[in-house]
PDB file of N, CA and C in Angstrom:
ATOM      1  N   MET A   1      47.945 128.965  44.650  1.00  0.00           N
ATOM      2  CA  MET A   1      48.532 127.943  45.494  1.00  0.00           C
ATOM      3  C   MET A   1      49.981 127.754  45.064  1.00  0.00           C
ATOM      4  N   ASN A   2      50.881 127.923  45.992  1.00  0.00           N
ATOM      5  CA  ASN A   2      52.297 127.871  45.658  1.00  0.00           C
ATOM      6  C   ASN A   2      52.943 126.515  45.889  1.00  0.00           C
ATOM      7  N   ARG A   3      52.635 125.872  47.010  1.00  0.00           N
ATOM      8  CA  ARG A   3      53.350 124.639  47.362  1.00  0.00           C
ATOM      9  C   ARG A   3      52.389 123.621  47.957  1.00  0.00           C
ATOM     10  N   VAL A   4      52.486 122.394  47.444  1.00  0.00           N
ATOM     11  CA  VAL A   4      51.663 121.292  47.924  1.00  0.00           C
ATOM     12  C   VAL A   4      52.581 120.203  48.448  1.00  0.00           C
ATOM     13  N   LEU A   5      52.259 119.696  49.612  1.00  0.00           N
ATOM     14  CA  LEU A   5      52.977 118.581  50.211  1.00  0.00           C
ATOM     15  C   LEU A   5      52.164 117.317  49.949  1.00  0.00           C
ATOM     16  N   VAL A   6      52.765 116.362  49.242  1.00  0.00           N
ATOM     17  CA  VAL A   6      52.111 115.082  48.953  1.00  0.00           C
ATOM     18  C   VAL A   6      52.779 114.027  49.814  1.00  0.00           C
ATOM     19  N   VAL A   7      51.991 113.386  50.680  1.00  0.00           N
ATOM     20  CA  VAL A   7      52.512 112.369  51.591  1.00  0.00           C
ATOM     21  C   VAL A   7      51.810 111.056  51.262  1.00  0.00           C
ATOM     22  N   GLU A   8      52.522 110.191  50.566  1.00  0.00           N
ATOM     23  CA  GLU A   8      51.943 108.942  50.069  1.00  0.00           C
ATOM     24  C   GLU A   8      53.039 107.893  50.007  1.00  0.00           C
ATOM     25  N   ASP A   9      52.807 106.727  50.629  1.00  0.00           N
ATOM     26  CA  ASP A   9      53.836 105.687  50.638  1.00  0.00           C
ATOM     27  C   ASP A   9      53.913 104.926  49.323  1.00  0.00           C
ATOM     28  N   ASN A  10      52.873 104.959  48.522  1.00  0.00           N
ATOM     29  CA  ASN A  10      52.913 104.340  47.201  1.00  0.00           C
ATOM     30  C   ASN A  10      53.648 105.300  46.262  1.00  0.00           C
ATOM     31  N   VAL A  11      54.877 104.944  45.921  1.00  0.00           N
ATOM     32  CA  VAL A  11      55.749 105.845  45.159  1.00  0.00           C
ATOM     33  C   VAL A  11      55.143 106.207  43.811  1.00  0.00           C
ATOM     34  N   ASP A  12      54.574 105.236  43.107  1.00  0.00           N
ATOM     35  CA  ASP A  12      53.980 105.516  41.794  1.00  0.00           C
ATOM     36  C   ASP A  12      52.824 106.502  41.909  1.00  0.00           C
ATOM     37  N   LEU A  13      51.960 106.293  42.879  1.00  0.00           N
ATOM     38  CA  LEU A  13      50.830 107.209  43.075  1.00  0.00           C
ATOM     39  C   LEU A  13      51.322 108.607  43.448  1.00  0.00           C
ATOM     40  N   ALA A  14      52.299 108.682  44.335  1.00  0.00           N
ATOM     41  CA  ALA A  14      52.852 109.979  44.740  1.00  0.00           C
ATOM     42  C   ALA A  14      53.427 110.722  43.542  1.00  0.00           C
ATOM     43  N   GLU A  15      54.170 110.016  42.712  1.00  0.00           N
ATOM     44  CA  GLU A  15      54.777 110.653  41.544  1.00  0.00           C
ATOM     45  C   GLU A  15      53.724 111.076  40.527  1.00  0.00           C
ATOM     46  N   ASN A  16      52.661 110.271  40.367  1.00  0.00           N
ATOM     47  CA  ASN A  16      51.573 110.660  39.465  1.00  0.00           C
ATOM     48  C   ASN A  16      50.865 111.917  39.959  1.00  0.00           C
ATOM     49  N   LEU A  17      50.590 111.979  41.251  1.00  0.00           N
ATOM     50  CA  LEU A  17      49.971 113.182  41.812  1.00  0.00           C
ATOM     51  C   LEU A  17      50.873 114.399  41.612  1.00  0.00           C
ATOM     52  N   ALA A  18      52.165 114.214  41.840  1.00  0.00           N
ATOM     53  CA  ALA A  18      53.117 115.315  41.676  1.00  0.00           C
ATOM     54  C   ALA A  18      53.131 115.802  40.229  1.00  0.00           C
ATOM     55  N   GLU A  19      53.139 114.885  39.283  1.00  0.00           N
ATOM     56  CA  GLU A  19      53.138 115.276  37.865  1.00  0.00           C
ATOM     57  C   GLU A  19      51.893 116.082  37.515  1.00  0.00           C
ATOM     58  N   LEU A  20      50.732 115.622  37.985  1.00  0.00           N
ATOM     59  CA  LEU A  20      49.486 116.357  37.703  1.00  0.00           C
ATOM     60  C   LEU A  20      49.523 117.765  38.285  1.00  0.00           C
ATOM     61  N   LEU A  21      49.994 117.878  39.498  1.00  0.00           N
ATOM     62  CA  LEU A  21      50.059 119.195  40.141  1.00  0.00           C
ATOM     63  C   LEU A  21      51.081 120.097  39.463  1.00  0.00           C
ATOM     64  N   GLU A  22      52.205 119.534  39.069  1.00  0.00           N
ATOM     65  CA  GLU A  22      53.237 120.332  38.396  1.00  0.00           C
ATOM     66  C   GLU A  22      52.751 120.847  37.050  1.00  0.00           C
ATOM     67  N   GLU A  23      51.872 120.093  36.382  1.00  0.00           N
ATOM     68  CA  GLU A  23      51.271 120.570  35.128  1.00  0.00           C
ATOM     69  C   GLU A  23      50.418 121.810  35.360  1.00  0.00           C
ATOM     70  N   LEU A  24      49.976 122.000  36.604  1.00  0.00           N
ATOM     71  CA  LEU A  24      49.195 123.181  36.980  1.00  0.00           C
ATOM     72  C   LEU A  24      50.080 124.279  37.549  1.00  0.00           C
ATOM     73  N   ASP A  25      51.399 124.134  37.343  1.00  0.00           N
ATOM     74  CA  ASP A  25      52.389 125.093  37.828  1.00  0.00           C
ATOM     75  C   ASP A  25      52.401 125.226  39.341  1.00  0.00           C
ATOM     76  N   VAL A  26      52.251 124.094  40.025  1.00  0.00           N
ATOM     77  CA  VAL A  26      52.305 124.046  41.473  1.00  0.00           C
ATOM     78  C   VAL A  26      53.624 123.404  41.881  1.00  0.00           C
ATOM     79  N   GLU A  27      54.286 123.983  42.867  1.00  0.00           N
ATOM     80  CA  GLU A  27      55.493 123.370  43.421  1.00  0.00           C
ATOM     81  C   GLU A  27      55.061 122.226  44.325  1.00  0.00           C
ATOM     82  N   VAL A  28      55.690 121.068  44.159  1.00  0.00           N
ATOM     83  CA  VAL A  28      55.305 119.882  44.913  1.00  0.00           C
ATOM     84  C   VAL A  28      56.485 119.379  45.734  1.00  0.00           C
ATOM     85  N   ALA A  29      56.213 119.059  46.995  1.00  0.00           N
ATOM     86  CA  ALA A  29      57.182 118.388  47.865  1.00  0.00           C
ATOM     87  C   ALA A  29      56.625 117.004  48.146  1.00  0.00           C
ATOM     88  N   LEU A  30      57.446 115.965  47.920  1.00  0.00           N
ATOM     89  CA  LEU A  30      57.010 114.582  48.133  1.00  0.00           C
ATOM     90  C   LEU A  30      57.585 114.028  49.422  1.00  0.00           C
ATOM     91  N   ALA A  31      56.787 113.221  50.093  1.00  0.00           N
ATOM     92  CA  ALA A  31      57.239 112.470  51.269  1.00  0.00           C
ATOM     93  C   ALA A  31      56.544 111.122  51.235  1.00  0.00           C
ATOM     94  N   HIS A  32      57.260 110.087  51.681  1.00  0.00           N
ATOM     95  CA  HIS A  32      56.701 108.741  51.638  1.00  0.00           C
ATOM     96  C   HIS A  32      56.423 108.173  53.032  1.00  0.00           C
ATOM     97  N   ASP A  33      56.684 108.968  54.067  1.00  0.00           N
ATOM     98  CA  ASP A  33      56.325 108.586  55.439  1.00  0.00           C
ATOM     99  C   ASP A  33      56.205 109.853  56.269  1.00  0.00           C
ATOM    100  N   GLY A  34      55.760 109.697  57.507  1.00  0.00           N
ATOM    101  CA  GLY A  34      55.514 110.849  58.362  1.00  0.00           C
ATOM    102  C   GLY A  34      56.759 111.647  58.689  1.00  0.00           C
ATOM    103  N   ALA A  35      57.873 110.967  58.921  1.00  0.00           N
ATOM    104  CA  ALA A  35      59.117 111.667  59.261  1.00  0.00           C
ATOM    105  C   ALA A  35      59.580 112.545  58.100  1.00  0.00           C
ATOM    106  N   GLN A  36      59.525 112.013  56.888  1.00  0.00           N
ATOM    107  CA  GLN A  36      59.883 112.815  55.708  1.00  0.00           C
ATOM    108  C   GLN A  36      58.936 114.000  55.566  1.00  0.00           C
ATOM    109  N   ALA A  37      57.667 113.764  55.822  1.00  0.00           N
ATOM    110  CA  ALA A  37      56.674 114.829  55.695  1.00  0.00           C
ATOM    111  C   ALA A  37      56.967 115.974  56.651  1.00  0.00           C
ATOM    112  N   LEU A  38      57.332 115.648  57.882  1.00  0.00           N
ATOM    113  CA  LEU A  38      57.641 116.707  58.846  1.00  0.00           C
ATOM    114  C   LEU A  38      58.868 117.506  58.415  1.00  0.00           C
ATOM    115  N   ARG A  39      59.850 116.843  57.836  1.00  0.00           N
ATOM    116  CA  ARG A  39      61.021 117.583  57.321  1.00  0.00           C
ATOM    117  C   ARG A  39      60.607 118.499  56.170  1.00  0.00           C
ATOM    118  N   GLN A  40      59.768 117.993  55.275  1.00  0.00           N
ATOM    119  CA  GLN A  40      59.291 118.806  54.145  1.00  0.00           C
ATOM    120  C   GLN A  40      58.423 119.968  54.630  1.00  0.00           C
ATOM    121  N   ALA A  41      57.719 119.763  55.741  1.00  0.00           N
ATOM    122  CA  ALA A  41      56.803 120.787  56.260  1.00  0.00           C
ATOM    123  C   ALA A  41      57.536 121.928  56.953  1.00  0.00           C
ATOM    124  N   GLU A  42      58.852 121.829  57.055  1.00  0.00           N
ATOM    125  CA  GLU A  42      59.611 122.953  57.611  1.00  0.00           C
ATOM    126  C   GLU A  42      59.559 124.150  56.673  1.00  0.00           C
ATOM    127  N   THR A  43      59.281 123.890  55.397  1.00  0.00           N
ATOM    128  CA  THR A  43      59.061 124.949  54.408  1.00  0.00           C
ATOM    129  C   THR A  43      57.554 125.105  54.230  1.00  0.00           C
ATOM    130  N   ARG A  44      57.100 126.330  54.178  1.00  0.00           N
ATOM    131  CA  ARG A  44      55.670 126.645  54.109  1.00  0.00           C
ATOM    132  C   ARG A  44      54.981 125.908  52.964  1.00  0.00           C
ATOM    133  N   PHE A  45      53.760 125.449  53.221  1.00  0.00           N
ATOM    134  CA  PHE A  45      52.925 124.826  52.197  1.00  0.00           C
ATOM    135  C   PHE A  45      51.487 125.304  52.392  1.00  0.00           C
ATOM    136  N   GLU A  46      50.725 125.293  51.316  1.00  0.00           N
ATOM    137  CA  GLU A  46      49.337 125.746  51.375  1.00  0.00           C
ATOM    138  C   GLU A  46      48.357 124.578  51.448  1.00  0.00           C
ATOM    139  N   LEU A  47      48.788 123.419  50.931  1.00  0.00           N
ATOM    140  CA  LEU A  47      47.928 122.243  50.887  1.00  0.00           C
ATOM    141  C   LEU A  47      48.776 121.012  51.130  1.00  0.00           C
ATOM    142  N   ALA A  48      48.251 120.089  51.918  1.00  0.00           N
ATOM    143  CA  ALA A  48      48.899 118.794  52.105  1.00  0.00           C
ATOM    144  C   ALA A  48      47.894 117.704  51.748  1.00  0.00           C
ATOM    145  N   LEU A  49      48.325 116.773  50.912  1.00  0.00           N
ATOM    146  CA  LEU A  49      47.545 115.581  50.597  1.00  0.00           C
ATOM    147  C   LEU A  49      48.207 114.443  51.350  1.00  0.00           C
ATOM    148  N   VAL A  50      47.514 113.876  52.321  1.00  0.00           N
ATOM    149  CA  VAL A  50      48.122 112.934  53.260  1.00  0.00           C
ATOM    150  C   VAL A  50      47.396 111.595  53.228  1.00  0.00           C
ATOM    151  N   ASP A  51      48.152 110.532  52.986  1.00  0.00           N
ATOM    152  CA  ASP A  51      47.623 109.171  53.043  1.00  0.00           C
ATOM    153  C   ASP A  51      47.387 108.798  54.503  1.00  0.00           C
ATOM    154  N   VAL A  52      46.251 108.214  54.801  1.00  0.00           N
ATOM    155  CA  VAL A  52      45.941 107.811  56.178  1.00  0.00           C
ATOM    156  C   VAL A  52      46.854 106.671  56.620  1.00  0.00           C
ATOM    157  N   GLY A  53      47.111 105.716  55.730  1.00  0.00           N
ATOM    158  CA  GLY A  53      47.870 104.516  56.079  1.00  0.00           C
ATOM    159  C   GLY A  53      49.339 104.625  55.754  1.00  0.00           C
ATOM    160  N   LEU A  54      50.066 105.434  56.501  1.00  0.00           N
ATOM    161  CA  LEU A  54      51.498 105.605  56.270  1.00  0.00           C
ATOM    162  C   LEU A  54      52.309 104.576  57.041  1.00  0.00           C
ATOM    163  N   PRO A  55      53.460 104.170  56.489  1.00  0.00           N
ATOM    164  CA  PRO A  55      54.336 103.260  57.233  1.00  0.00           C
ATOM    165  C   PRO A  55      55.112 104.026  58.305  1.00  0.00           C
ATOM    166  N   GLY A  56      55.671 103.293  59.243  1.00  0.00           N
ATOM    167  CA  GLY A  56      56.509 103.924  60.257  1.00  0.00           C
ATOM    168  C   GLY A  56      55.739 104.283  61.506  1.00  0.00           C
ATOM    169  N   ALA A  57      56.390 105.051  62.335  1.00  0.00           N
ATOM    170  CA  ALA A  57      55.865 105.367  63.664  1.00  0.00           C
ATOM    171  C   ALA A  57      54.754 106.407  63.646  1.00  0.00           C
ATOM    172  N   LEU A  58      54.617 107.149  62.567  1.00  0.00           N
ATOM    173  CA  LEU A  58      53.665 108.254  62.514  1.00  0.00           C
ATOM    174  C   LEU A  58      52.569 107.947  61.497  1.00  0.00           C
ATOM    175  N   SER A  59      51.353 107.723  61.973  1.00  0.00           N
ATOM    176  CA  SER A  59      50.232 107.451  61.070  1.00  0.00           C
ATOM    177  C   SER A  59      49.781 108.734  60.386  1.00  0.00           C
ATOM    178  N   GLY A  60      48.940 108.589  59.382  1.00  0.00           N
ATOM    179  CA  GLY A  60      48.395 109.760  58.705  1.00  0.00           C
ATOM    180  C   GLY A  60      47.603 110.648  59.638  1.00  0.00           C
ATOM    181  N   MET A  61      46.850 110.066  60.562  1.00  0.00           N
ATOM    182  CA  MET A  61      46.071 110.852  61.523  1.00  0.00           C
ATOM    183  C   MET A  61      46.986 111.594  62.491  1.00  0.00           C
ATOM    184  N   GLN A  62      48.058 110.945  62.938  1.00  0.00           N
ATOM    185  CA  GLN A  62      49.016 111.619  63.822  1.00  0.00           C
ATOM    186  C   GLN A  62      49.722 112.744  63.069  1.00  0.00           C
ATOM    187  N   LEU A  63      50.063 112.478  61.821  1.00  0.00           N
ATOM    188  CA  LEU A  63      50.712 113.497  61.002  1.00  0.00           C
ATOM    189  C   LEU A  63      49.780 114.693  60.802  1.00  0.00           C
ATOM    190  N   LEU A  64      48.514 114.438  60.589  1.00  0.00           N
ATOM    191  CA  LEU A  64      47.534 115.509  60.432  1.00  0.00           C
ATOM    192  C   LEU A  64      47.624 116.486  61.601  1.00  0.00           C
ATOM    193  N   ARG A  65      47.642 115.966  62.816  1.00  0.00           N
ATOM    194  CA  ARG A  65      47.712 116.833  64.001  1.00  0.00           C
ATOM    195  C   ARG A  65      49.006 117.640  64.031  1.00  0.00           C
ATOM    196  N   ARG A  66      50.125 116.995  63.693  1.00  0.00           N
ATOM    197  CA  ARG A  66      51.423 117.684  63.715  1.00  0.00           C
ATOM    198  C   ARG A  66      51.486 118.761  62.633  1.00  0.00           C
ATOM    199  N   LEU A  67      50.959 118.452  61.454  1.00  0.00           N
ATOM    200  CA  LEU A  67      50.959 119.447  60.381  1.00  0.00           C
ATOM    201  C   LEU A  67      50.053 120.621  60.741  1.00  0.00           C
ATOM    202  N   ARG A  68      48.923 120.336  61.359  1.00  0.00           N
ATOM    203  CA  ARG A  68      47.989 121.388  61.763  1.00  0.00           C
ATOM    204  C   ARG A  68      48.648 122.326  62.774  1.00  0.00           C
ATOM    205  N   ASP A  69      49.453 121.758  63.694  1.00  0.00           N
ATOM    206  CA  ASP A  69      50.173 122.584  64.665  1.00  0.00           C
ATOM    207  C   ASP A  69      51.188 123.490  63.972  1.00  0.00           C
ATOM    208  N   ARG A  70      51.879 122.958  62.971  1.00  0.00           N
ATOM    209  CA  ARG A  70      52.924 123.727  62.270  1.00  0.00           C
ATOM    210  C   ARG A  70      52.353 124.766  61.317  1.00  0.00           C
ATOM    211  N   SER A  71      51.278 124.400  60.634  1.00  0.00           N
ATOM    212  CA  SER A  71      50.712 125.275  59.603  1.00  0.00           C
ATOM    213  C   SER A  71      49.196 125.331  59.748  1.00  0.00           C
ATOM    214  N   PRO A  72      48.708 126.072  60.730  1.00  0.00           N
ATOM    215  CA  PRO A  72      47.265 126.076  60.994  1.00  0.00           C
ATOM    216  C   PRO A  72      46.416 126.611  59.849  1.00  0.00           C
ATOM    217  N   ASP A  73      46.992 127.399  58.952  1.00  0.00           N
ATOM    218  CA  ASP A  73      46.224 127.955  57.848  1.00  0.00           C
ATOM    219  C   ASP A  73      46.223 127.072  56.601  1.00  0.00           C
ATOM    220  N   ALA A  74      47.036 126.034  56.592  1.00  0.00           N
ATOM    221  CA  ALA A  74      47.128 125.164  55.420  1.00  0.00           C
ATOM    222  C   ALA A  74      45.914 124.228  55.358  1.00  0.00           C
ATOM    223  N   ALA A  75      45.487 123.927  54.151  1.00  0.00           N
ATOM    224  CA  ALA A  75      44.435 122.929  53.955  1.00  0.00           C
ATOM    225  C   ALA A  75      45.085 121.552  53.954  1.00  0.00           C
ATOM    226  N   ILE A  76      44.449 120.601  54.629  1.00  0.00           N
ATOM    227  CA  ILE A  76      44.973 119.242  54.683  1.00  0.00           C
ATOM    228  C   ILE A  76      43.861 118.293  54.270  1.00  0.00           C
ATOM    229  N   VAL A  77      44.159 117.480  53.273  1.00  0.00           N
ATOM    230  CA  VAL A  77      43.202 116.505  52.755  1.00  0.00           C
ATOM    231  C   VAL A  77      43.750 115.118  53.043  1.00  0.00           C
ATOM    232  N   LEU A  78      42.955 114.302  53.732  1.00  0.00           N
ATOM    233  CA  LEU A  78      43.346 112.928  54.002  1.00  0.00           C
ATOM    234  C   LEU A  78      42.839 112.035  52.874  1.00  0.00           C
ATOM    235  N   MET A  79      43.693 111.089  52.464  1.00  0.00           N
ATOM    236  CA  MET A  79      43.344 110.161  51.394  1.00  0.00           C
ATOM    237  C   MET A  79      43.509 108.742  51.919  1.00  0.00           C
ATOM    238  N   THR A  80      42.725 107.827  51.366  1.00  0.00           N
ATOM    239  CA  THR A  80      42.922 106.421  51.693  1.00  0.00           C
ATOM    240  C   THR A  80      42.506 105.562  50.512  1.00  0.00           C
ATOM    241  N   GLY A  81      43.253 104.510  50.315  1.00  0.00           N
ATOM    242  CA  GLY A  81      42.889 103.519  49.311  1.00  0.00           C
ATOM    243  C   GLY A  81      42.135 102.363  49.949  1.00  0.00           C
ATOM    244  N   ASN A  82      41.895 102.463  51.245  1.00  0.00           N
ATOM    245  CA  ASN A  82      41.216 101.416  51.994  1.00  0.00           C
ATOM    246  C   ASN A  82      39.724 101.508  51.740  1.00  0.00           C
ATOM    247  N   ALA A  83      39.131 100.406  51.339  1.00  0.00           N
ATOM    248  CA  ALA A  83      37.703 100.391  51.038  1.00  0.00           C
ATOM    249  C   ALA A  83      36.835 100.268  52.285  1.00  0.00           C
ATOM    250  N   ASP A  84      37.453 100.124  53.455  1.00  0.00           N
ATOM    251  CA  ASP A  84      36.726  99.989  54.703  1.00  0.00           C
ATOM    252  C   ASP A  84      36.060 101.325  55.063  1.00  0.00           C
ATOM    253  N   VAL A  85      34.760 101.331  55.179  1.00  0.00           N
ATOM    254  CA  VAL A  85      34.009 102.559  55.452  1.00  0.00           C
ATOM    255  C   VAL A  85      34.420 103.157  56.799  1.00  0.00           C
ATOM    256  N   ALA A  86      34.674 102.333  57.806  1.00  0.00           N
ATOM    257  CA  ALA A  86      35.054 102.845  59.117  1.00  0.00           C
ATOM    258  C   ALA A  86      36.357 103.625  59.053  1.00  0.00           C
ATOM    259  N   THR A  87      37.315 103.141  58.275  1.00  0.00           N
ATOM    260  CA  THR A  87      38.587 103.858  58.111  1.00  0.00           C
ATOM    261  C   THR A  87      38.388 105.155  57.351  1.00  0.00           C
ATOM    262  N   ALA A  88      37.628 105.072  56.265  1.00  0.00           N
ATOM    263  CA  ALA A  88      37.387 106.270  55.449  1.00  0.00           C
ATOM    264  C   ALA A  88      36.614 107.288  56.244  1.00  0.00           C
TER     265      ALA A  88
END
């Protein structure tokens, strides 16, 4: 795995995830909202970790669809800190 896109609005959590992945010799691109994520996704990635509850005009679910269109072979994992079962 060469490049992972981490999309998380919680800056501390995003940076912690990036540090863990970098310890595994993975290149990490960080984004804190959907617009940043789409800019980062202009460069190929193999995995995207995407928060469902993103700020701004583009939700995590909307971003999922856009990322899938751009990189159909990439794995995309949705994450949520929301304890609501319906959201999860």
